[in-house]
PDB file of N, CA and C in Angstrom:
ATOM      1  N   MET A   1      28.902 -13.362  12.852  1.00  0.00           N
ATOM      2  CA  MET A   1      28.018 -13.491  12.279  1.00  0.00           C
ATOM      3  C   MET A   1      27.499 -12.362  11.612  1.00  0.00           C
ATOM      4  N   THR A   2      27.485 -12.286   9.926  1.00  0.00           N
ATOM      5  CA  THR A   2      26.954 -10.882   8.805  1.00  0.00           C
ATOM      6  C   THR A   2      25.778 -11.656   8.562  1.00  0.00           C
ATOM      7  N   ASP A   3      25.166 -10.380   8.193  1.00  0.00           N
ATOM      8  CA  ASP A   3      23.972 -10.465   7.221  1.00  0.00           C
ATOM      9  C   ASP A   3      24.140  -9.997   5.587  1.00  0.00           C
ATOM     10  N   GLU A   4      25.297 -10.425   5.438  1.00  0.00           N
ATOM     11  CA  GLU A   4      26.063 -10.515   4.024  1.00  0.00           C
ATOM     12  C   GLU A   4      25.444 -11.344   2.832  1.00  0.00           C
ATOM     13  N   ILE A   5      25.296 -10.764   2.119  1.00  0.00           N
ATOM     14  CA  ILE A   5      24.611 -11.668   0.790  1.00  0.00           C
ATOM     15  C   ILE A   5      25.483 -12.482   0.250  1.00  0.00           C
ATOM     16  N   LEU A   6      25.112 -13.820   0.393  1.00  0.00           N
ATOM     17  CA  LEU A   6      25.950 -14.203  -0.294  1.00  0.00           C
ATOM     18  C   LEU A   6      25.185 -15.701  -1.832  1.00  0.00           C
ATOM     19  N   GLY A   7      24.193 -14.898  -2.003  1.00  0.00           N
ATOM     20  CA  GLY A   7      23.539 -16.020  -2.793  1.00  0.00           C
ATOM     21  C   GLY A   7      21.986 -15.497  -2.937  1.00  0.00           C
ATOM     22  N   ILE A   8      21.504 -15.534  -4.114  1.00  0.00           N
ATOM     23  CA  ILE A   8      19.675 -16.239  -4.151  1.00  0.00           C
ATOM     24  C   ILE A   8      19.328 -16.839  -4.816  1.00  0.00           C
ATOM     25  N   HIS A   9      18.311 -17.195  -4.636  1.00  0.00           N
ATOM     26  CA  HIS A   9      17.531 -18.303  -5.834  1.00  0.00           C
ATOM     27  C   HIS A   9      16.336 -17.519  -6.179  1.00  0.00           C
ATOM     28  N   LEU A  10      15.813 -17.249  -7.285  1.00  0.00           N
ATOM     29  CA  LEU A  10      14.322 -16.766  -7.696  1.00  0.00           C
ATOM     30  C   LEU A  10      14.261 -18.117  -8.731  1.00  0.00           C
ATOM     31  N   CYS A  11      12.555 -18.118  -8.621  1.00  0.00           N
ATOM     32  CA  CYS A  11      11.902 -19.048  -9.469  1.00  0.00           C
ATOM     33  C   CYS A  11      10.825 -18.197  -9.891  1.00  0.00           C
ATOM     34  N   GLY A  12      10.089 -17.816 -11.036  1.00  0.00           N
ATOM     35  CA  GLY A  12       8.777 -17.573 -11.349  1.00  0.00           C
ATOM     36  C   GLY A  12       8.638 -16.603 -12.237  1.00  0.00           C
ATOM     37  N   PRO A  13       7.414 -16.101 -12.589  1.00  0.00           N
ATOM     38  CA  PRO A  13       6.842 -14.953 -13.967  1.00  0.00           C
ATOM     39  C   PRO A  13       8.170 -13.813 -13.180  1.00  0.00           C
ATOM     40  N   ARG A  14       8.939 -13.258 -14.140  1.00  0.00           N
ATOM     41  CA  ARG A  14       9.918 -11.901 -13.801  1.00  0.00           C
ATOM     42  C   ARG A  14      10.947 -12.195 -12.980  1.00  0.00           C
ATOM     43  N   ALA A  15      11.443 -13.411 -12.883  1.00  0.00           N
ATOM     44  CA  ALA A  15      12.694 -13.551 -11.806  1.00  0.00           C
ATOM     45  C   ALA A  15      13.835 -13.047 -12.752  1.00  0.00           C
ATOM     46  N   SER A  16      14.115 -12.811 -14.304  1.00  0.00           N
ATOM     47  CA  SER A  16      15.172 -12.327 -14.722  1.00  0.00           C
ATOM     48  C   SER A  16      15.047 -11.328 -14.548  1.00  0.00           C
ATOM     49  N   ASP A  17      13.850 -10.017 -14.373  1.00  0.00           N
ATOM     50  CA  ASP A  17      14.318  -8.827 -14.183  1.00  0.00           C
ATOM     51  C   ASP A  17      14.615  -8.296 -12.103  1.00  0.00           C
ATOM     52  N   MET A  18      13.811  -9.635 -11.651  1.00  0.00           N
ATOM     53  CA  MET A  18      14.616  -9.325 -10.484  1.00  0.00           C
ATOM     54  C   MET A  18      15.796  -9.543  -9.748  1.00  0.00           C
ATOM     55  N   ILE A  19      16.614 -10.338 -10.585  1.00  0.00           N
ATOM     56  CA  ILE A  19      18.092 -11.046 -10.733  1.00  0.00           C
ATOM     57  C   ILE A  19      18.873  -9.708 -10.779  1.00  0.00           C
ATOM     58  N   ALA A  20      18.777  -8.338 -11.145  1.00  0.00           N
ATOM     59  CA  ALA A  20      19.422  -7.781 -11.645  1.00  0.00           C
ATOM     60  C   ALA A  20      19.693  -6.851 -10.230  1.00  0.00           C
ATOM     61  N   GLU A  21      19.027  -6.578  -9.187  1.00  0.00           N
ATOM     62  CA  GLU A  21      18.706  -6.118  -8.068  1.00  0.00           C
ATOM     63  C   GLU A  21      19.633  -7.110  -7.046  1.00  0.00           C
ATOM     64  N   ALA A  22      19.414  -8.502  -6.862  1.00  0.00           N
ATOM     65  CA  ALA A  22      20.266  -9.279  -6.266  1.00  0.00           C
ATOM     66  C   ALA A  22      21.869  -8.709  -6.739  1.00  0.00           C
ATOM     67  N   VAL A  23      22.205  -8.964  -7.720  1.00  0.00           N
ATOM     68  CA  VAL A  23      23.655  -9.023  -8.572  1.00  0.00           C
ATOM     69  C   VAL A  23      24.396  -7.803  -7.851  1.00  0.00           C
ATOM     70  N   LEU A  24      23.289  -6.961  -8.114  1.00  0.00           N
ATOM     71  CA  LEU A  24      23.573  -5.300  -7.382  1.00  0.00           C
ATOM     72  C   LEU A  24      24.217  -5.048  -6.352  1.00  0.00           C
ATOM     73  N   ALA A  25      22.998  -5.940  -5.245  1.00  0.00           N
ATOM     74  CA  ALA A  25      23.846  -5.843  -3.971  1.00  0.00           C
ATOM     75  C   ALA A  25      25.062  -6.763  -3.694  1.00  0.00           C
ATOM     76  N   MET A  26      24.664  -8.020  -3.946  1.00  0.00           N
ATOM     77  CA  MET A  26      26.179  -8.487  -3.623  1.00  0.00           C
ATOM     78  C   MET A  26      27.481  -7.878  -4.421  1.00  0.00           C
ATOM     79  N   GLU A  27      27.475  -7.262  -5.287  1.00  0.00           N
ATOM     80  CA  GLU A  27      28.322  -6.698  -6.348  1.00  0.00           C
ATOM     81  C   GLU A  27      28.871  -5.410  -5.016  1.00  0.00           C
ATOM     82  N   TYR A  28      28.260  -4.803  -4.425  1.00  0.00           N
ATOM     83  CA  TYR A  28      28.535  -3.744  -3.399  1.00  0.00           C
ATOM     84  C   TYR A  28      28.382  -4.314  -2.054  1.00  0.00           C
ATOM     85  N   ARG A  29      28.589  -5.612  -1.721  1.00  0.00           N
ATOM     86  CA  ARG A  29      28.642  -6.128  -0.516  1.00  0.00           C
ATOM     87  C   ARG A  29      27.618  -5.460   0.305  1.00  0.00           C
ATOM     88  N   ALA A  30      25.915  -5.694  -0.359  1.00  0.00           N
ATOM     89  CA  ALA A  30      24.733  -5.024   0.783  1.00  0.00           C
ATOM     90  C   ALA A  30      24.502  -5.754   1.407  1.00  0.00           C
ATOM     91  N   SER A  31      24.296  -5.397   2.640  1.00  0.00           N
ATOM     92  CA  SER A  31      23.663  -6.681   3.785  1.00  0.00           C
ATOM     93  C   SER A  31      22.287  -6.684   3.342  1.00  0.00           C
ATOM     94  N   ALA A  32      21.630  -7.287   4.295  1.00  0.00           N
ATOM     95  CA  ALA A  32      20.050  -7.479   4.321  1.00  0.00           C
ATOM     96  C   ALA A  32      19.200  -6.469   4.413  1.00  0.00           C
ATOM     97  N   GLU A  33      20.155  -5.569   5.468  1.00  0.00           N
ATOM     98  CA  GLU A  33      19.500  -4.452   6.151  1.00  0.00           C
ATOM     99  C   GLU A  33      19.187  -3.539   5.352  1.00  0.00           C
ATOM    100  N   ASP A  34      20.709  -3.181   4.388  1.00  0.00           N
ATOM    101  CA  ASP A  34      20.597  -2.616   3.529  1.00  0.00           C
ATOM    102  C   ASP A  34      19.255  -2.403   2.624  1.00  0.00           C
ATOM    103  N   ILE A  35      19.205  -3.604   2.072  1.00  0.00           N
ATOM    104  CA  ILE A  35      18.176  -3.844   1.295  1.00  0.00           C
ATOM    105  C   ILE A  35      16.938  -3.817   1.567  1.00  0.00           C
ATOM    106  N   ALA A  36      16.720  -4.003   3.214  1.00  0.00           N
ATOM    107  CA  ALA A  36      15.344  -3.668   3.606  1.00  0.00           C
ATOM    108  C   ALA A  36      15.064  -2.090   3.675  1.00  0.00           C
ATOM    109  N   ALA A  37      16.074  -1.397   3.928  1.00  0.00           N
ATOM    110  CA  ALA A  37      16.272   0.132   4.256  1.00  0.00           C
ATOM    111  C   ALA A  37      16.249   0.944   2.676  1.00  0.00           C
ATOM    112  N   ILE A  38      15.778   0.341   1.731  1.00  0.00           N
ATOM    113  CA  ILE A  38      15.738   1.068   0.190  1.00  0.00           C
ATOM    114  C   ILE A  38      14.502   0.769  -0.184  1.00  0.00           C
ATOM    115  N   PRO A  39      13.785   2.074  -0.423  1.00  0.00           N
ATOM    116  CA  PRO A  39      12.187   2.065  -0.745  1.00  0.00           C
ATOM    117  C   PRO A  39      12.381   0.843  -2.248  1.00  0.00           C
ATOM    118  N   HIS A  40      11.012   0.342  -2.167  1.00  0.00           N
ATOM    119  CA  HIS A  40      10.741  -0.591  -3.476  1.00  0.00           C
ATOM    120  C   HIS A  40       9.750   0.190  -4.005  1.00  0.00           C
ATOM    121  N   ALA A  41       9.086   0.333  -4.985  1.00  0.00           N
ATOM    122  CA  ALA A  41       8.174   0.327  -5.878  1.00  0.00           C
ATOM    123  C   ALA A  41       6.775  -0.556  -5.420  1.00  0.00           C
ATOM    124  N   HIS A  42       5.681   0.094  -5.187  1.00  0.00           N
ATOM    125  CA  HIS A  42       4.407  -0.804  -4.947  1.00  0.00           C
ATOM    126  C   HIS A  42       3.329  -0.787  -6.121  1.00  0.00           C
ATOM    127  N   PRO A  43       2.739  -1.585  -6.666  1.00  0.00           N
ATOM    128  CA  PRO A  43       3.012  -2.786  -6.377  1.00  0.00           C
ATOM    129  C   PRO A  43       3.928  -3.613  -7.616  1.00  0.00           C
ATOM    130  N   THR A  44       5.136  -4.398  -7.587  1.00  0.00           N
ATOM    131  CA  THR A  44       6.419  -4.790  -7.816  1.00  0.00           C
ATOM    132  C   THR A  44       6.785  -6.182  -7.665  1.00  0.00           C
ATOM    133  N   TYR A  45       7.449  -7.089  -8.393  1.00  0.00           N
ATOM    134  CA  TYR A  45       7.588  -8.156  -7.819  1.00  0.00           C
ATOM    135  C   TYR A  45       8.698  -8.450  -7.136  1.00  0.00           C
ATOM    136  N   THR A  46       9.809  -6.853  -7.557  1.00  0.00           N
ATOM    137  CA  THR A  46      11.196  -6.837  -6.683  1.00  0.00           C
ATOM    138  C   THR A  46      10.634  -6.257  -5.203  1.00  0.00           C
ATOM    139  N   GLU A  47       9.694  -6.139  -5.078  1.00  0.00           N
ATOM    140  CA  GLU A  47       9.254  -5.688  -3.450  1.00  0.00           C
ATOM    141  C   GLU A  47       9.265  -7.322  -2.863  1.00  0.00           C
ATOM    142  N   ALA A  48       9.395  -8.370  -3.062  1.00  0.00           N
ATOM    143  CA  ALA A  48       9.607  -9.930  -2.711  1.00  0.00           C
ATOM    144  C   ALA A  48      11.140  -9.569  -2.362  1.00  0.00           C
ATOM    145  N   ILE A  49      11.568  -9.024  -2.933  1.00  0.00           N
ATOM    146  CA  ILE A  49      13.310  -9.306  -2.491  1.00  0.00           C
ATOM    147  C   ILE A  49      13.300  -8.262  -1.616  1.00  0.00           C
ATOM    148  N   LYS A  50      12.622  -7.340  -1.444  1.00  0.00           N
ATOM    149  CA  LYS A  50      12.526  -6.229   0.166  1.00  0.00           C
ATOM    150  C   LYS A  50      11.961  -7.164   1.253  1.00  0.00           C
ATOM    151  N   GLU A  51      10.922  -7.716   1.124  1.00  0.00           N
ATOM    152  CA  GLU A  51      10.039  -8.073   1.832  1.00  0.00           C
ATOM    153  C   GLU A  51      11.170  -9.657   2.636  1.00  0.00           C
ATOM    154  N   ALA A  52      12.250 -10.695   1.668  1.00  0.00           N
ATOM    155  CA  ALA A  52      12.996 -11.626   2.287  1.00  0.00           C
ATOM    156  C   ALA A  52      13.498 -10.706   2.881  1.00  0.00           C
ATOM    157  N   ALA A  53      14.753  -9.748   2.714  1.00  0.00           N
ATOM    158  CA  ALA A  53      15.407  -9.045   3.179  1.00  0.00           C
ATOM    159  C   ALA A  53      14.560  -8.222   4.676  1.00  0.00           C
ATOM    160  N   LEU A  54      13.740  -7.988   4.973  1.00  0.00           N
ATOM    161  CA  LEU A  54      13.166  -7.776   6.333  1.00  0.00           C
ATOM    162  C   LEU A  54      13.121  -9.157   6.847  1.00  0.00           C
ATOM    163  N   ALA A  55      12.460  -9.800   6.235  1.00  0.00           N
ATOM    164  CA  ALA A  55      12.976 -11.083   6.990  1.00  0.00           C
ATOM    165  C   ALA A  55      13.950 -11.701   7.851  1.00  0.00           C
ATOM    166  N   ALA A  56      14.790 -11.483   6.704  1.00  0.00           N
ATOM    167  CA  ALA A  56      16.220 -11.690   7.189  1.00  0.00           C
ATOM    168  C   ALA A  56      16.453 -10.940   8.154  1.00  0.00           C
ATOM    169  N   THR A  57      16.460  -9.998   8.535  1.00  0.00           N
ATOM    170  CA  THR A  57      17.205  -8.767   9.387  1.00  0.00           C
ATOM    171  C   THR A  57      16.139  -8.928  11.041  1.00  0.00           C
ATOM    172  N   GLU A  58      15.046  -9.686  11.334  1.00  0.00           N
ATOM    173  CA  GLU A  58      14.072  -9.901  12.202  1.00  0.00           C
ATOM    174  C   GLU A  58      13.283  -8.625  12.059  1.00  0.00           C
ATOM    175  N   ASN A  59      12.891  -7.866  11.046  1.00  0.00           N
ATOM    176  CA  ASN A  59      12.109  -6.585  11.062  1.00  0.00           C
ATOM    177  C   ASN A  59      10.505  -7.617  10.786  1.00  0.00           C
ATOM    178  N   ARG A  60       9.818  -6.746  10.844  1.00  0.00           N
ATOM    179  CA  ARG A  60       8.438  -7.640  10.456  1.00  0.00           C
ATOM    180  C   ARG A  60       8.184  -7.401   9.054  1.00  0.00           C
ATOM    181  N   PRO A  61       7.794  -8.700   8.103  1.00  0.00           N
ATOM    182  CA  PRO A  61       7.765  -8.246   6.919  1.00  0.00           C
ATOM    183  C   PRO A  61       6.432  -7.828   6.553  1.00  0.00           C
ATOM    184  N   ILE A  62       6.162  -6.717   5.278  1.00  0.00           N
ATOM    185  CA  ILE A  62       4.760  -5.975   5.304  1.00  0.00           C
ATOM    186  C   ILE A  62       3.832  -6.670   5.304  1.00  0.00           C
ATOM    187  N   HIS A  63       4.297  -7.641   3.524  1.00  0.00           N
ATOM    188  CA  HIS A  63       3.284  -8.105   3.036  1.00  0.00           C
ATOM    189  C   HIS A  63       2.787  -9.803   3.443  1.00  0.00           C
ATOM    190  N   ILE A  64       3.468  -9.886   4.072  1.00  0.00           N
ATOM    191  CA  ILE A  64       3.834 -11.791   4.530  1.00  0.00           C
ATOM    192  C   ILE A  64       2.643 -12.160   5.559  1.00  0.00           C
TER     193      ILE A  64
END
């Protein structure tokens, strides 16, 4: 079992801004752990991607 990102679903405001981060992560075969380790600016919508990665790696999400 790996935590390789196979796809991502986004809907809502600024989804088009966040998809670029997901595509980049998939292109470079980043794991959820890799995304969780990357600093994300606060407050931004892309923080939601980090939160999802933290949840996927069994680390405690910060804002959920």
